[in-house]
Amino acid sequence: MHRFAAVAVVDPHGRVLVQERGHDAVHEPGRWGYPGGDLEDGEDFAAAAVRELAEETGLVVAADDLESLGVRRFHSDGCGGDDEFELFAVRTRATDEDVVCGEGRQMDFVDLDDLAGRPLHRATELTLDLVRQWCASAIRTDFVQVTLVDPRGRVLMQERDEHAPVWPDMWCFPGGGLEEGEEPVVGAARELAEETGVAAAPDELTDLGRFELATDRGTFRFHAFVARTTLGDRDLECHEGRQMVFVAPARLADLDLVPSTRLVEPSLGRWIDDHPFDPGPDPRRFAGVILVDRRGWILLQERDEHPRIDPEKWGLAGGHVEPGEDFEPAAHRELEEETGVRLPPGGLRLFREFVVDHREAYGTWDVMQVFVAATDLTDADIDCREGRRIIFVDPEVARGLDLTSAAIDIVPAFLGSDVYATMTP
């Protein structure tokens, strides 16, 4: 008798991992089925399932993680005649990118409804309804978390107060327990609205997966959700805790995070990297310039009352990139127009591109590229042609100035960078 094990691997979206077998496969060539394979000598079904899953997909699970959906016997010339197999099921947070196709043509997570039109392995054909029932079975969810990511990549966080029933005075994503019969994604949207005043439709939220948190009070299971937003701090209402603010991901390492939030942090970081902000087909573009003098002081402009963007604040020399103009030529042009300083071609170095908050002036988040250069110039060499004054500023003083909406991100990022370190005495 031909004996084998198979594994239905189900992702957080209810999709099952299936393999398209090659035309040279010994059994059921060219058909779609679960990962799995024949038992080796002395091997039981569970051990074979763990081994075959690792060999064919690169996914590593423990035998205890597998839930048996039963042993089946059937006769099929395509599978080998008289066949016996045990089907196991397991849930995973893995994505298509985490799966290695170690056998067959391809290995993909597929919606169960999309399998109907494909030629199926006989074992898969016999058990598809069983897997469908297992996928629909209730999995306890103790609570949900949800965060928003703004165009700068900052994530929405809540600072809990001393009244929080657990983990007081710590930082977390908004969230809470589910109501009777409530789906996790619906609960996440409800909690977001209740705690921040921000309304988001459930279909706007991405499920980062189901997580398990082991504590001295037991093991808790929860889902974490995320979505991009064009909102900022001023659009939030704090209905729970001390404050609701957007926080740069780099700062999370320094915050006292609740354990469940810390558990989600790596998955959130990967999602942010995979889902960059889209400024649209024709974004408003800006170029900014920072010069660094011999002392390590940086050139900043004190704006007067006339600019549409951030009047009477301190910012970078620079301005709009004109239609058809590239960022670097615009940076050279703006620097000369505002300060009288003309640098040779190639005299500026691209530091970074930033997304800047110009909603107060234009109602948009815009794109700014910042260029930098070390210089021997002094204040006496600067001709202030725009604003109140353009001078070199001590970096510690610069951090405390009333900075523009762009400079408030750019100045500390530059002063903390390796690029700036190479320009200082």
Protein backbone atom coordinates (compact mmCIF):
# COMPACT_ATOMS: atom_id res chain seq x y z
CA MET A 1 0.00 0.00 0.00
CA HIS A 2 1.22 3.48 -0.88
CA ARG A 3 1.29 5.59 2.33
CA PHE A 4 1.95 9.32 2.48
CA ALA A 5 1.33 12.46 4.56
CA ALA A 6 -0.05 15.81 3.39
CA VAL A 7 -0.27 19.23 5.05
CA ALA A 8 -2.87 21.96 4.45
CA VAL A 9 -0.97 25.14 5.39
CA VAL A 10 -3.40 28.05 5.89
CA ASP A 11 -2.34 31.70 6.03
CA PRO A 12 -4.08 34.50 8.03
CA HIS A 13 -6.33 35.24 5.03
CA GLY A 14 -7.65 31.67 4.87
CA ARG A 15 -5.64 30.79 1.76
CA VAL A 16 -4.16 27.30 1.51
CA LEU A 17 -0.64 26.52 0.27
CA VAL A 18 -0.71 24.29 -2.81
CA GLN A 19 1.91 22.87 -5.13
CA GLU A 20 1.68 22.41 -8.87
CA ARG A 21 3.38 19.09 -9.50
CA GLY A 22 5.79 18.73 -12.40
CA HIS A 23 4.99 16.60 -15.45
CA ASP A 24 7.77 14.23 -14.34
CA ALA A 25 6.19 13.59 -10.93
CA VAL A 26 5.76 9.90 -10.11
CA HIS A 27 2.20 10.40 -8.87
CA GLU A 28 -0.48 12.74 -10.29
CA PRO A 29 1.85 14.75 -12.61
CA GLY A 30 0.71 18.25 -13.54
CA ARG A 31 -1.92 18.40 -10.78
CA TRP A 32 -2.28 20.72 -7.79
CA GLY A 33 -2.12 19.46 -4.22
CA TYR A 34 -0.96 19.98 -0.68
CA PRO A 35 2.74 19.74 0.19
CA GLY A 36 3.60 16.25 1.41
CA GLY A 37 5.08 12.94 0.45
CA ASP A 38 5.75 9.26 1.14
CA LEU A 39 6.59 7.89 4.55
CA GLU A 40 10.17 6.69 4.99
CA ASP A 41 11.05 3.46 6.81
CA GLY A 42 10.09 3.63 10.49
CA GLU A 43 8.43 7.03 10.05
CA ASP A 44 4.91 7.85 11.21
CA PHE A 45 2.53 10.20 9.39
CA ALA A 46 3.28 13.26 11.58
CA ALA A 47 7.05 12.91 11.24
CA ALA A 48 6.71 12.55 7.48
CA ALA A 49 4.48 15.64 7.35
CA VAL A 50 7.05 17.77 9.22
CA ARG A 51 9.93 16.52 7.08
CA GLU A 52 8.15 16.84 3.74
CA LEU A 53 6.86 20.31 4.54
CA ALA A 54 10.38 21.54 5.29
CA GLU A 55 11.85 19.86 2.20
CA GLU A 56 9.21 21.10 -0.23
CA THR A 57 8.44 24.58 1.14
CA GLY A 58 11.19 25.59 3.58
CA LEU A 59 8.56 26.02 6.31
CA VAL A 60 9.50 24.49 9.64
CA VAL A 61 6.79 23.35 12.06
CA ALA A 62 6.74 21.04 15.06
CA ALA A 63 4.63 17.90 15.05
CA ASP A 64 2.63 19.39 17.95
CA ASP A 65 1.64 22.32 15.70
CA LEU A 66 -0.13 19.98 13.28
CA GLU A 67 -3.80 19.16 13.70
CA SER A 68 -4.85 15.87 12.15
CA LEU A 69 -7.87 15.96 9.87
CA GLY A 70 -7.93 12.17 9.72
CA VAL A 71 -6.60 9.19 7.77
CA ARG A 72 -8.13 8.34 4.40
CA ARG A 73 -7.86 5.34 2.12
CA PHE A 74 -8.71 5.40 -1.56
CA HIS A 75 -7.83 3.70 -4.83
CA SER A 76 -6.30 5.73 -7.61
CA ASP A 77 -4.09 4.62 -10.47
CA GLY A 78 -2.71 8.18 -10.59
CA CYS A 79 -1.55 8.04 -6.98
CA GLY A 80 -0.23 4.51 -6.95
CA GLY A 81 -3.13 2.13 -6.60
CA ASP A 82 -4.25 1.46 -3.03
CA ASP A 83 -3.40 4.56 -1.06
CA GLU A 84 -3.52 5.65 2.58
CA PHE A 85 -2.71 9.13 3.77
CA GLU A 86 -3.14 11.35 6.81
CA LEU A 87 -3.97 14.98 6.24
CA PHE A 88 -2.75 17.58 8.72
CA ALA A 89 -3.64 21.26 8.96
CA VAL A 90 -1.62 24.13 10.39
CA ARG A 91 -2.00 27.90 10.45
CA THR A 92 0.96 30.12 9.58
CA ARG A 93 1.95 33.79 9.35
CA ALA A 94 4.21 32.95 6.39
CA THR A 95 3.66 34.69 3.04
CA ASP A 96 4.46 33.66 -0.53
CA GLU A 97 7.88 35.32 -0.11
CA ASP A 98 8.67 32.99 2.81
CA VAL A 99 7.95 29.83 0.82
CA VAL A 100 10.66 28.00 -1.10
CA CYS A 101 9.49 25.79 -3.96
CA GLY A 102 11.64 22.76 -3.30
CA GLU A 103 9.64 20.45 -5.53
CA GLY A 104 7.24 20.81 -8.43
CA ARG A 105 6.65 23.77 -10.70
CA GLN A 106 5.39 26.32 -8.22
CA MET A 107 4.10 26.72 -4.67
CA ASP A 108 1.47 29.38 -3.91
CA PHE A 109 -1.08 30.40 -1.30
CA VAL A 110 -4.43 30.16 -3.09
CA ASP A 111 -7.98 31.03 -2.09
CA LEU A 112 -9.95 27.82 -1.71
CA ASP A 113 -12.58 29.05 -4.16
CA ASP A 114 -9.88 29.50 -6.80
CA LEU A 115 -8.95 25.81 -6.73
CA ALA A 116 -12.21 24.67 -8.30
CA GLY A 117 -11.02 25.16 -11.87
CA ARG A 118 -7.62 23.50 -11.44
CA PRO A 119 -6.74 19.82 -11.96
CA LEU A 120 -6.38 18.53 -8.39
CA HIS A 121 -4.39 15.74 -6.82
CA ARG A 122 -6.81 12.99 -5.82
CA ALA A 123 -6.03 13.41 -2.09
CA THR A 124 -6.72 17.15 -2.34
CA GLU A 125 -9.93 16.58 -4.28
CA LEU A 126 -11.19 14.19 -1.57
CA THR A 127 -10.47 16.52 1.35
CA LEU A 128 -11.00 20.05 0.07
CA ASP A 129 -14.35 20.42 1.84
CA LEU A 130 -12.76 19.12 5.04
CA VAL A 131 -10.07 21.81 4.83
CA ARG A 132 -12.72 24.42 4.07
CA GLN A 133 -14.58 23.44 7.25
CA TRP A 134 -11.37 23.54 9.26
CA CYS A 135 -10.52 27.01 7.94
CA ALA A 136 -13.96 28.24 8.98
CA SER A 137 -13.70 26.76 12.47
CA ALA A 138 -13.62 29.30 15.28
CA ILE A 139 -10.20 30.29 16.56
CA ARG A 140 -10.23 32.13 19.85
CA THR A 141 -9.09 35.73 19.55
CA ASP A 142 -8.54 37.44 22.89
CA PHE A 143 -7.99 40.95 21.52
CA VAL A 144 -6.98 42.95 18.44
CA GLN A 145 -4.45 45.67 17.74
CA VAL A 146 -4.49 48.19 14.92
CA THR A 147 -2.11 50.91 13.81
CA LEU A 148 -1.97 53.47 11.01
CA VAL A 149 1.17 54.43 9.09
CA ASP A 150 1.44 58.04 7.96
CA PRO A 151 3.20 59.16 4.75
CA ARG A 152 6.48 59.65 6.65
CA GLY A 153 6.37 56.03 7.83
CA ARG A 154 5.43 56.93 11.41
CA VAL A 155 3.09 54.57 13.23
CA LEU A 156 0.10 55.45 15.39
CA MET A 157 0.77 54.72 19.07
CA GLN A 158 -1.10 55.12 22.33
CA GLU A 159 0.60 56.03 25.59
CA ARG A 160 -1.35 54.19 28.26
CA ASP A 161 -2.02 55.91 31.58
CA GLU A 162 -1.99 54.65 35.16
CA HIS A 163 -5.63 53.49 34.91
CA ALA A 164 -4.99 50.82 32.27
CA PRO A 165 -6.06 47.41 33.64
CA VAL A 166 -2.85 45.77 32.35
CA TRP A 167 0.53 47.21 31.38
CA PRO A 168 -0.12 50.75 32.71
CA ASP A 169 2.15 53.63 31.69
CA MET A 170 3.43 51.75 28.62
CA TRP A 171 3.08 52.28 24.87
CA CYS A 172 0.97 50.19 22.50
CA PHE A 173 -1.09 50.23 19.34
CA PRO A 174 -4.79 51.09 19.75
CA GLY A 175 -7.01 48.06 20.24
CA GLY A 176 -8.95 45.94 22.69
CA GLY A 177 -11.24 42.95 23.15
CA LEU A 178 -13.86 41.76 20.68
CA GLU A 179 -17.59 42.00 21.18
CA GLU A 180 -19.84 38.93 21.06
CA GLY A 181 -19.64 37.32 17.61
CA GLU A 182 -17.44 40.10 16.20
CA GLU A 183 -14.88 39.33 13.51
CA PRO A 184 -11.32 40.47 14.37
CA VAL A 185 -11.09 42.96 11.48
CA VAL A 186 -14.46 44.49 12.40
CA GLY A 187 -13.35 44.77 16.01
CA ALA A 188 -10.11 46.44 14.93
CA ALA A 189 -12.00 49.09 12.94
CA ARG A 190 -14.38 49.67 15.87
CA GLU A 191 -11.56 49.98 18.43
CA LEU A 192 -9.70 52.44 16.18
CA ALA A 193 -12.77 54.66 15.94
CA GLU A 194 -13.55 54.43 19.66
CA GLU A 195 -10.03 55.26 20.81
CA THR A 196 -8.89 57.78 18.17
CA GLY A 197 -12.00 59.08 16.39
CA VAL A 198 -10.57 57.80 13.08
CA ALA A 199 -13.05 55.89 10.92
CA ALA A 200 -11.62 53.13 8.74
CA ALA A 201 -13.57 50.50 6.82
CA PRO A 202 -12.62 46.90 7.65
CA ASP A 203 -11.56 46.28 4.04
CA GLU A 204 -8.99 49.07 4.38
CA LEU A 205 -7.14 47.16 7.11
CA THR A 206 -4.45 44.55 6.41
CA ASP A 207 -4.21 41.60 8.79
CA LEU A 208 -0.57 41.09 9.80
CA GLY A 209 -1.53 37.70 11.16
CA ARG A 210 -2.50 35.86 14.31
CA PHE A 211 -0.02 36.12 17.17
CA GLU A 212 0.35 34.24 20.45
CA LEU A 213 1.67 35.91 23.59
CA ALA A 214 2.71 33.71 26.50
CA THR A 215 2.53 35.42 29.90
CA ASP A 216 2.38 34.33 33.53
CA ARG A 217 -1.39 34.83 33.22
CA GLY A 218 -1.65 32.39 30.31
CA THR A 219 -1.33 32.44 26.52
CA PHE A 220 -3.25 35.12 24.66
CA ARG A 221 -4.10 35.04 20.96
CA PHE A 222 -4.60 38.23 19.00
CA HIS A 223 -4.64 39.73 15.52
CA ALA A 224 -2.74 42.86 14.48
CA PHE A 225 -3.96 45.11 11.67
CA VAL A 226 -2.38 47.99 9.78
CA ALA A 227 -3.29 50.54 7.10
CA ARG A 228 -1.71 53.52 5.37
CA THR A 229 -3.18 56.94 6.10
CA THR A 230 -2.71 60.58 5.11
CA LEU A 231 -3.77 61.76 8.57
CA GLY A 232 -1.44 63.35 11.11
CA ASP A 233 -1.37 64.02 14.86
CA ARG A 234 -3.78 66.92 14.65
CA ASP A 235 -6.44 64.63 13.11
CA LEU A 236 -6.48 62.29 16.12
CA GLU A 237 -8.69 62.32 19.19
CA CYS A 238 -7.34 60.69 22.34
CA HIS A 239 -10.30 58.88 23.92
CA GLU A 240 -8.16 56.50 25.96
CA GLY A 241 -4.75 56.78 27.62
CA ARG A 242 -2.48 59.84 27.88
CA GLN A 243 -1.94 60.55 24.21
CA MET A 244 -2.31 59.23 20.66
CA VAL A 245 0.58 60.23 18.38
CA PHE A 246 2.46 59.07 15.31
CA VAL A 247 5.90 57.76 16.27
CA ALA A 248 8.93 57.13 14.04
CA PRO A 249 9.70 53.38 13.92
CA ALA A 250 13.29 54.08 14.98
CA ARG A 251 11.95 55.40 18.30
CA LEU A 252 10.09 52.19 19.14
CA ALA A 253 13.28 50.59 20.45
CA ASP A 254 13.48 53.31 23.12
CA LEU A 255 9.82 53.13 24.19
CA ASP A 256 8.48 50.90 26.96
CA LEU A 257 6.21 48.82 24.69
CA VAL A 258 3.61 46.36 25.94
CA PRO A 259 4.75 42.80 25.10
CA SER A 260 2.11 42.22 22.43
CA THR A 261 3.15 45.37 20.56
CA ARG A 262 6.82 44.40 20.75
CA LEU A 263 5.87 40.99 19.31
CA VAL A 264 4.20 42.61 16.28
CA GLU A 265 6.98 45.16 15.63
CA PRO A 266 9.08 43.04 13.18
CA SER A 267 6.04 42.13 11.04
CA LEU A 268 4.96 45.77 11.02
CA GLY A 269 8.41 46.91 9.89
CA ARG A 270 8.37 44.48 6.97
CA TRP A 271 4.88 45.65 5.96
CA ILE A 272 5.96 49.31 5.98
CA ASP A 273 8.98 48.49 3.79
CA ASP A 274 6.74 46.58 1.37
CA HIS A 275 4.07 49.32 1.22
CA PRO A 276 5.80 52.69 0.70
CA PHE A 277 3.78 55.89 0.54
CA ASP A 278 2.44 56.63 -2.93
CA PRO A 279 2.40 60.41 -3.54
CA GLY A 280 0.37 60.01 -6.73
CA PRO A 281 1.18 60.52 -10.40
CA ASP A 282 2.18 64.21 -10.20
CA PRO A 283 3.36 65.07 -6.68
CA ARG A 284 4.44 68.57 -5.69
CA ARG A 285 8.25 68.42 -5.49
CA PHE A 286 10.76 70.40 -3.43
CA ALA A 287 14.56 70.57 -3.16
CA GLY A 288 16.33 71.60 0.02
CA VAL A 289 19.99 72.35 0.80
CA ILE A 290 22.04 72.09 4.00
CA LEU A 291 25.58 73.49 4.03
CA VAL A 292 27.92 72.53 6.89
CA ASP A 293 30.69 74.98 7.86
CA ARG A 294 34.10 74.22 9.38
CA ARG A 295 32.64 74.20 12.90
CA GLY A 296 29.94 71.69 12.00
CA TRP A 297 27.24 74.38 12.10
CA ILE A 298 24.43 74.10 9.54
CA LEU A 299 22.97 76.74 7.24
CA LEU A 300 19.32 77.54 8.06
CA GLN A 301 16.88 80.23 6.97
CA GLU A 302 14.60 82.17 9.28
CA ARG A 303 11.46 82.69 7.22
CA ASP A 304 9.47 85.94 7.44
CA GLU A 305 5.70 86.43 7.56
CA HIS A 306 5.15 86.21 3.79
CA PRO A 307 5.64 82.53 2.74
CA ARG A 308 2.60 80.33 2.21
CA ILE A 309 4.42 77.43 3.86
CA ASP A 310 5.42 77.78 7.53
CA PRO A 311 5.86 81.56 7.86
CA GLU A 312 8.13 82.82 10.65
CA LYS A 313 9.76 79.45 11.20
CA TRP A 314 13.27 78.12 10.60
CA GLY A 315 13.92 75.85 7.63
CA LEU A 316 16.25 74.91 4.81
CA ALA A 317 17.30 76.97 1.87
CA GLY A 318 15.38 75.63 -1.11
CA GLY A 319 12.02 75.60 -2.78
CA HIS A 320 9.79 74.20 -5.52
CA VAL A 321 11.16 72.01 -8.28
CA GLU A 322 9.83 73.50 -11.50
CA PRO A 323 8.02 71.40 -14.14
CA GLY A 324 10.54 69.46 -16.20
CA GLU A 325 13.34 70.22 -13.73
CA ASP A 326 15.24 67.57 -11.78
CA PHE A 327 15.81 67.79 -8.03
CA GLU A 328 19.57 68.47 -8.10
CA PRO A 329 19.49 71.38 -10.58
CA ALA A 330 16.61 72.83 -8.58
CA ALA A 331 18.70 72.61 -5.40
CA HIS A 332 21.58 74.52 -7.05
CA ARG A 333 19.18 77.11 -8.48
CA GLU A 334 17.31 77.68 -5.21
CA LEU A 335 20.54 77.95 -3.21
CA GLU A 336 21.85 80.65 -5.52
CA GLU A 337 18.55 82.52 -5.67
CA GLU A 338 18.19 82.63 -1.87
CA THR A 339 21.82 83.01 -0.73
CA GLY A 340 23.90 84.12 -3.74
CA VAL A 341 26.03 80.98 -3.32
CA ARG A 342 26.85 79.23 -6.58
CA LEU A 343 28.38 75.78 -6.22
CA PRO A 344 30.09 73.93 -9.07
CA PRO A 345 28.21 71.07 -10.77
CA GLY A 346 28.44 68.01 -8.55
CA GLY A 347 29.09 70.19 -5.52
CA LEU A 348 25.97 68.91 -3.75
CA ARG A 349 25.42 65.40 -2.42
CA LEU A 350 22.00 63.82 -2.10
CA PHE A 351 21.30 63.08 1.55
CA ARG A 352 17.78 61.60 1.49
CA GLU A 353 14.27 61.95 0.12
CA PHE A 354 11.59 62.93 2.63
CA VAL A 355 7.82 63.08 2.61
CA VAL A 356 6.85 66.44 4.11
CA ASP A 357 3.58 67.63 5.59
CA HIS A 358 2.30 70.58 3.58
CA ARG A 359 -1.37 70.00 4.35
CA GLU A 360 -1.77 73.38 6.05
CA ALA A 361 -0.53 75.21 2.96
CA TYR A 362 -1.60 72.93 0.11
CA GLY A 363 -3.61 70.10 1.65
CA THR A 364 -1.00 67.58 0.50
CA TRP A 365 1.95 65.49 1.60
CA ASP A 366 4.80 66.40 -0.73
CA VAL A 367 8.19 65.01 -1.74
CA MET A 368 11.46 66.77 -0.86
CA GLN A 369 14.99 65.72 -1.72
CA VAL A 370 17.68 67.17 0.54
CA PHE A 371 21.20 67.87 -0.73
CA VAL A 372 24.20 68.64 1.48
CA ALA A 373 27.78 69.89 1.19
CA ALA A 374 30.67 70.84 3.47
CA THR A 375 31.86 74.40 2.93
CA ASP A 376 34.46 76.97 3.96
CA LEU A 377 31.85 79.75 3.71
CA THR A 378 30.87 81.92 6.68
CA ASP A 379 27.86 84.09 7.45
CA ALA A 380 29.65 86.99 5.76
CA ASP A 381 29.57 85.08 2.46
CA ILE A 382 25.79 84.55 2.58
CA ASP A 383 23.57 87.09 0.81
CA CYS A 384 20.11 86.73 2.36
CA ARG A 385 17.76 87.27 -0.57
CA GLU A 386 14.71 85.62 0.98
CA GLY A 387 13.39 85.51 4.53
CA ARG A 388 14.65 87.40 7.60
CA ARG A 389 18.10 85.86 7.73
CA ILE A 390 20.13 82.89 6.50
CA ILE A 391 22.94 81.93 8.86
CA PHE A 392 25.00 79.02 10.13
CA VAL A 393 23.48 77.67 13.34
CA ASP A 394 25.02 75.62 16.13
CA PRO A 395 23.51 72.10 15.83
CA GLU A 396 22.33 72.06 19.45
CA VAL A 397 20.62 75.42 18.94
CA ALA A 398 19.12 74.17 15.65
CA ARG A 399 17.40 71.26 17.39
CA GLY A 400 15.52 73.69 19.63
CA LEU A 401 14.35 76.17 17.00
CA ASP A 402 10.75 76.53 15.86
CA LEU A 403 11.30 74.48 12.71
CA THR A 404 9.18 74.16 9.57
CA SER A 405 7.06 71.04 9.00
CA ALA A 406 9.81 69.72 6.73
CA ALA A 407 12.81 70.73 8.84
CA ILE A 408 11.35 69.22 11.99
CA ASP A 409 12.05 65.80 10.44
CA ILE A 410 15.05 66.66 8.28
CA VAL A 411 17.28 68.52 10.75
CA PRO A 412 17.44 65.82 13.45
CA ALA A 413 17.72 63.09 10.80
CA PHE A 414 20.70 64.85 9.23
CA LEU A 415 22.42 65.73 12.51
CA GLY A 416 22.15 62.11 13.61
CA SER A 417 23.46 60.68 10.35
CA ASP A 418 26.82 59.24 9.33
CA VAL A 419 26.84 61.75 6.46
CA TYR A 420 26.88 64.67 8.90
CA ALA A 421 29.53 62.94 11.02
CA THR A 422 31.90 62.93 8.02
CA MET A 423 31.50 66.71 7.68
CA THR A 424 32.23 67.71 11.28
CA PRO A 425 35.67 68.66 12.66
